[in-house]
Amino acid sequence: MICSQEVVYLFSGTLEKYKQFYAPYLIQDEMLHYTVNRQIPQYNFYGISGNFDGSDGVLKFKESFNGYAEKKIGTFQLITKPTKYRLYQLLKKIKGT
């Protein structure tokens, strides 16, 4: 998401078989250059789990760009269809995901 004062990187991922190509690093590099070239003051990697004990690979990846963690208000879920939501959660539990 690109705004006048901030570029926000929501998420990405890599399939194990393509891990050697380091695609998320290339995406970050391109977007960081984009941000700097347009003099946008902040690049937001968005979302980390808050687990700072060194076990969070996402945090390690984001820290490798020499940034810092900034605590924000967080997120929440508004369940508008509780019956469907409970069914969905049950199916996820059964599947083990």
N, C-alpha and C. Protein backbone atom coordinates (compact mmCIF):
# COMPACT_ATOMS: atom_id res chain seq x y z
N MET A 1 0.85 -1.15 0.00
CA MET A 1 0.00 0.00 0.00
C MET A 1 0.91 1.23 0.00
N ILE A 2 0.68 2.14 -0.90
CA ILE A 2 1.53 3.32 -1.03
C ILE A 2 0.73 4.57 -0.70
N CYS A 3 1.20 5.30 0.30
CA CYS A 3 0.58 6.56 0.71
C CYS A 3 1.65 7.65 0.63
N SER A 4 1.26 8.87 0.83
CA SER A 4 2.22 9.97 0.71
C SER A 4 3.28 9.97 1.81
N GLN A 5 2.95 9.46 3.00
CA GLN A 5 3.89 9.48 4.11
C GLN A 5 4.41 8.10 4.51
N GLU A 6 3.91 7.05 3.86
CA GLU A 6 4.30 5.71 4.28
C GLU A 6 4.00 4.70 3.18
N VAL A 7 4.92 3.75 3.02
CA VAL A 7 4.68 2.58 2.18
C VAL A 7 4.52 1.40 3.13
N VAL A 8 3.44 0.64 2.96
CA VAL A 8 3.15 -0.48 3.85
C VAL A 8 3.26 -1.78 3.06
N TYR A 9 4.10 -2.67 3.56
CA TYR A 9 4.28 -3.99 2.97
C TYR A 9 3.48 -4.98 3.82
N LEU A 10 2.39 -5.52 3.30
CA LEU A 10 1.51 -6.34 4.12
C LEU A 10 2.04 -7.74 4.37
N PHE A 11 2.37 -8.49 3.33
CA PHE A 11 2.86 -9.86 3.53
C PHE A 11 3.38 -10.44 2.23
N SER A 12 4.14 -11.51 2.37
CA SER A 12 4.58 -12.30 1.23
C SER A 12 4.99 -13.66 1.77
N GLY A 13 5.45 -14.50 0.90
CA GLY A 13 5.90 -15.82 1.32
C GLY A 13 6.70 -16.47 0.21
N THR A 14 7.24 -17.64 0.50
CA THR A 14 8.04 -18.36 -0.46
C THR A 14 7.73 -19.84 -0.36
N LEU A 15 7.49 -20.47 -1.47
CA LEU A 15 7.37 -21.92 -1.48
C LEU A 15 8.76 -22.51 -1.25
N GLU A 16 8.81 -23.59 -0.52
CA GLU A 16 10.09 -24.22 -0.16
C GLU A 16 10.94 -24.51 -1.40
N LYS A 17 10.32 -24.99 -2.49
CA LYS A 17 11.11 -25.36 -3.67
C LYS A 17 11.72 -24.15 -4.39
N TYR A 18 11.23 -22.92 -4.10
CA TYR A 18 11.78 -21.72 -4.72
C TYR A 18 12.58 -20.86 -3.74
N LYS A 19 12.84 -21.40 -2.57
CA LYS A 19 13.50 -20.64 -1.51
C LYS A 19 14.85 -20.07 -1.94
N GLN A 20 15.56 -20.78 -2.80
CA GLN A 20 16.90 -20.34 -3.21
C GLN A 20 16.88 -19.05 -4.03
N PHE A 21 15.72 -18.61 -4.50
CA PHE A 21 15.64 -17.39 -5.30
C PHE A 21 15.47 -16.12 -4.46
N TYR A 22 15.17 -16.26 -3.17
CA TYR A 22 15.06 -15.13 -2.24
C TYR A 22 14.11 -14.04 -2.74
N ALA A 23 12.98 -14.42 -3.30
CA ALA A 23 12.03 -13.45 -3.86
C ALA A 23 11.58 -12.37 -2.87
N PRO A 24 11.28 -12.71 -1.60
CA PRO A 24 10.86 -11.65 -0.67
C PRO A 24 11.94 -10.56 -0.50
N TYR A 25 13.21 -10.96 -0.55
CA TYR A 25 14.28 -9.97 -0.43
C TYR A 25 14.28 -9.03 -1.63
N LEU A 26 14.05 -9.56 -2.81
CA LEU A 26 14.01 -8.72 -4.01
C LEU A 26 12.83 -7.76 -3.95
N ILE A 27 11.67 -8.26 -3.51
CA ILE A 27 10.50 -7.39 -3.37
C ILE A 27 10.80 -6.26 -2.40
N GLN A 28 11.38 -6.60 -1.25
CA GLN A 28 11.71 -5.57 -0.25
C GLN A 28 12.71 -4.57 -0.81
N ASP A 29 13.73 -5.07 -1.48
CA ASP A 29 14.75 -4.18 -2.05
C ASP A 29 14.13 -3.19 -3.03
N GLU A 30 13.29 -3.69 -3.93
CA GLU A 30 12.65 -2.82 -4.91
C GLU A 30 11.75 -1.78 -4.24
N MET A 31 10.97 -2.21 -3.27
CA MET A 31 10.05 -1.28 -2.61
C MET A 31 10.78 -0.27 -1.72
N LEU A 32 11.88 -0.70 -1.11
CA LEU A 32 12.68 0.25 -0.32
C LEU A 32 13.28 1.32 -1.24
N HIS A 33 13.79 0.90 -2.41
CA HIS A 33 14.30 1.88 -3.37
C HIS A 33 13.18 2.82 -3.83
N TYR A 34 12.02 2.26 -4.10
CA TYR A 34 10.87 3.06 -4.51
C TYR A 34 10.57 4.12 -3.44
N THR A 35 10.55 3.69 -2.19
CA THR A 35 10.25 4.59 -1.07
C THR A 35 11.28 5.71 -0.96
N VAL A 36 12.55 5.36 -1.03
CA VAL A 36 13.62 6.35 -0.92
C VAL A 36 13.60 7.31 -2.10
N ASN A 37 13.47 6.77 -3.31
CA ASN A 37 13.48 7.61 -4.51
C ASN A 37 12.33 8.61 -4.56
N ARG A 38 11.24 8.29 -3.91
CA ARG A 38 10.10 9.20 -3.88
C ARG A 38 10.03 10.00 -2.58
N GLN A 39 11.08 9.88 -1.79
CA GLN A 39 11.22 10.62 -0.53
C GLN A 39 10.02 10.41 0.41
N ILE A 40 9.53 9.20 0.43
CA ILE A 40 8.47 8.83 1.37
C ILE A 40 9.16 8.51 2.70
N PRO A 41 8.76 9.16 3.79
CA PRO A 41 9.54 9.07 5.03
C PRO A 41 9.51 7.73 5.76
N GLN A 42 8.53 6.87 5.52
CA GLN A 42 8.46 5.65 6.32
C GLN A 42 8.10 4.45 5.46
N TYR A 43 8.80 3.35 5.73
CA TYR A 43 8.51 2.06 5.11
C TYR A 43 8.09 1.11 6.22
N ASN A 44 6.89 0.61 6.16
CA ASN A 44 6.33 -0.22 7.22
C ASN A 44 6.27 -1.67 6.76
N PHE A 45 7.07 -2.53 7.41
CA PHE A 45 7.05 -3.96 7.08
C PHE A 45 5.77 -4.63 7.56
N TYR A 46 5.09 -4.00 8.48
CA TYR A 46 3.81 -4.47 9.00
C TYR A 46 3.95 -5.83 9.67
N GLY A 47 3.12 -6.03 10.62
CA GLY A 47 2.87 -7.28 11.31
C GLY A 47 4.00 -8.19 11.70
N ILE A 48 4.31 -8.20 12.97
CA ILE A 48 5.15 -9.23 13.58
C ILE A 48 4.36 -9.78 14.76
N SER A 49 4.72 -10.95 15.21
CA SER A 49 3.92 -11.62 16.24
C SER A 49 4.09 -11.02 17.63
N GLY A 50 5.15 -10.27 17.84
CA GLY A 50 5.41 -9.76 19.19
C GLY A 50 6.26 -10.71 20.00
N ASN A 51 6.72 -11.79 19.38
CA ASN A 51 7.60 -12.76 20.03
C ASN A 51 9.04 -12.33 19.76
N PHE A 52 9.69 -11.77 20.76
CA PHE A 52 11.02 -11.19 20.56
C PHE A 52 12.14 -12.06 21.15
N ASP A 53 11.90 -13.36 21.31
CA ASP A 53 12.91 -14.24 21.90
C ASP A 53 13.89 -14.81 20.88
N GLY A 54 13.80 -14.39 19.62
CA GLY A 54 14.72 -14.85 18.59
C GLY A 54 14.18 -16.00 17.76
N SER A 55 13.02 -16.54 18.11
CA SER A 55 12.47 -17.69 17.39
C SER A 55 11.59 -17.29 16.21
N ASP A 56 11.27 -16.02 16.07
CA ASP A 56 10.37 -15.56 15.02
C ASP A 56 11.16 -15.26 13.75
N GLY A 57 11.04 -16.14 12.75
CA GLY A 57 11.77 -15.96 11.49
C GLY A 57 11.34 -14.73 10.73
N VAL A 58 10.05 -14.36 10.82
CA VAL A 58 9.55 -13.16 10.15
C VAL A 58 10.21 -11.93 10.73
N LEU A 59 10.32 -11.87 12.05
CA LEU A 59 10.98 -10.73 12.70
C LEU A 59 12.44 -10.67 12.28
N LYS A 60 13.13 -11.81 12.26
CA LYS A 60 14.54 -11.85 11.84
C LYS A 60 14.69 -11.31 10.41
N PHE A 61 13.80 -11.75 9.52
CA PHE A 61 13.83 -11.28 8.14
C PHE A 61 13.69 -9.77 8.07
N LYS A 62 12.72 -9.24 8.79
CA LYS A 62 12.46 -7.81 8.75
C LYS A 62 13.58 -7.01 9.40
N GLU A 63 14.16 -7.54 10.48
CA GLU A 63 15.28 -6.86 11.13
C GLU A 63 16.52 -6.84 10.26
N SER A 64 16.61 -7.79 9.32
CA SER A 64 17.80 -7.84 8.45
C SER A 64 17.90 -6.61 7.55
N PHE A 65 16.84 -5.81 7.49
CA PHE A 65 16.85 -4.57 6.71
C PHE A 65 17.18 -3.37 7.59
N ASN A 66 17.66 -3.64 8.81
CA ASN A 66 18.13 -2.60 9.74
C ASN A 66 17.01 -1.67 10.22
N GLY A 67 15.83 -2.23 10.41
CA GLY A 67 14.71 -1.44 10.93
C GLY A 67 14.53 -1.63 12.42
N TYR A 68 13.40 -1.22 12.92
CA TYR A 68 13.09 -1.37 14.34
C TYR A 68 11.60 -1.68 14.49
N ALA A 69 11.28 -2.34 15.58
CA ALA A 69 9.87 -2.68 15.86
C ALA A 69 9.21 -1.50 16.54
N GLU A 70 8.02 -1.20 16.10
CA GLU A 70 7.24 -0.10 16.66
C GLU A 70 5.88 -0.66 17.07
N LYS A 71 5.56 -0.53 18.35
CA LYS A 71 4.30 -1.08 18.85
C LYS A 71 3.13 -0.20 18.43
N LYS A 72 2.13 -0.85 17.86
CA LYS A 72 0.92 -0.15 17.41
C LYS A 72 -0.27 -0.69 18.19
N ILE A 73 -1.43 -0.19 17.88
CA ILE A 73 -2.64 -0.57 18.61
C ILE A 73 -3.02 -2.03 18.41
N GLY A 74 -2.69 -2.63 17.29
CA GLY A 74 -3.02 -4.02 17.05
C GLY A 74 -4.22 -4.20 16.15
N THR A 75 -4.68 -5.43 16.07
CA THR A 75 -5.81 -5.76 15.21
C THR A 75 -6.87 -6.49 16.02
N PHE A 76 -8.03 -6.62 15.45
CA PHE A 76 -9.11 -7.35 16.10
C PHE A 76 -9.98 -7.98 15.03
N GLN A 77 -10.81 -8.91 15.47
CA GLN A 77 -11.77 -9.54 14.57
C GLN A 77 -13.17 -9.21 15.04
N LEU A 78 -14.00 -8.84 14.11
CA LEU A 78 -15.42 -8.63 14.38
C LEU A 78 -16.16 -9.78 13.70
N ILE A 79 -16.65 -10.70 14.49
CA ILE A 79 -17.33 -11.88 13.95
C ILE A 79 -18.79 -11.51 13.69
N THR A 80 -19.16 -11.41 12.42
CA THR A 80 -20.52 -10.99 12.07
C THR A 80 -21.47 -12.18 11.89
N LYS A 81 -20.90 -13.36 11.69
CA LYS A 81 -21.72 -14.58 11.55
C LYS A 81 -21.12 -15.65 12.46
N PRO A 82 -21.44 -15.59 13.76
CA PRO A 82 -20.79 -16.47 14.73
C PRO A 82 -20.97 -17.96 14.46
N THR A 83 -22.10 -18.39 13.95
CA THR A 83 -22.31 -19.81 13.67
C THR A 83 -21.37 -20.29 12.57
N LYS A 84 -21.29 -19.53 11.49
CA LYS A 84 -20.37 -19.88 10.39
C LYS A 84 -18.92 -19.83 10.86
N TYR A 85 -18.60 -18.87 11.70
CA TYR A 85 -17.24 -18.73 12.20
C TYR A 85 -16.87 -19.95 13.05
N ARG A 86 -17.77 -20.37 13.95
CA ARG A 86 -17.48 -21.54 14.79
C ARG A 86 -17.32 -22.80 13.93
N LEU A 87 -18.14 -22.94 12.91
CA LEU A 87 -18.02 -24.07 11.99
C LEU A 87 -16.67 -24.04 11.27
N TYR A 88 -16.29 -22.88 10.81
CA TYR A 88 -14.99 -22.70 10.14
C TYR A 88 -13.85 -23.08 11.09
N GLN A 89 -13.91 -22.61 12.33
CA GLN A 89 -12.87 -22.92 13.31
C GLN A 89 -12.82 -24.43 13.59
N LEU A 90 -13.98 -25.06 13.68
CA LEU A 90 -14.04 -26.50 13.91
C LEU A 90 -13.42 -27.26 12.74
N LEU A 91 -13.74 -26.86 11.51
CA LEU A 91 -13.16 -27.51 10.33
C LEU A 91 -11.64 -27.34 10.29
N LYS A 92 -11.17 -26.17 10.65
CA LYS A 92 -9.72 -25.95 10.71
C LYS A 92 -9.07 -26.87 11.73
N LYS A 93 -9.71 -27.02 12.88
CA LYS A 93 -9.17 -27.88 13.93
C LYS A 93 -9.13 -29.34 13.47
N ILE A 94 -10.19 -29.78 12.80
CA ILE A 94 -10.25 -31.16 12.30
C ILE A 94 -9.15 -31.40 11.27
N LYS A 95 -8.94 -30.43 10.38
CA LYS A 95 -7.90 -30.56 9.34
C LYS A 95 -6.50 -30.40 9.90
N GLY A 96 -6.39 -29.80 11.09
CA GLY A 96 -5.07 -29.60 11.69
C GLY A 96 -4.34 -28.38 11.16
N THR A 97 -5.07 -27.38 10.70
CA THR A 97 -4.43 -26.16 10.19
C THR A 97 -4.69 -24.99 11.09
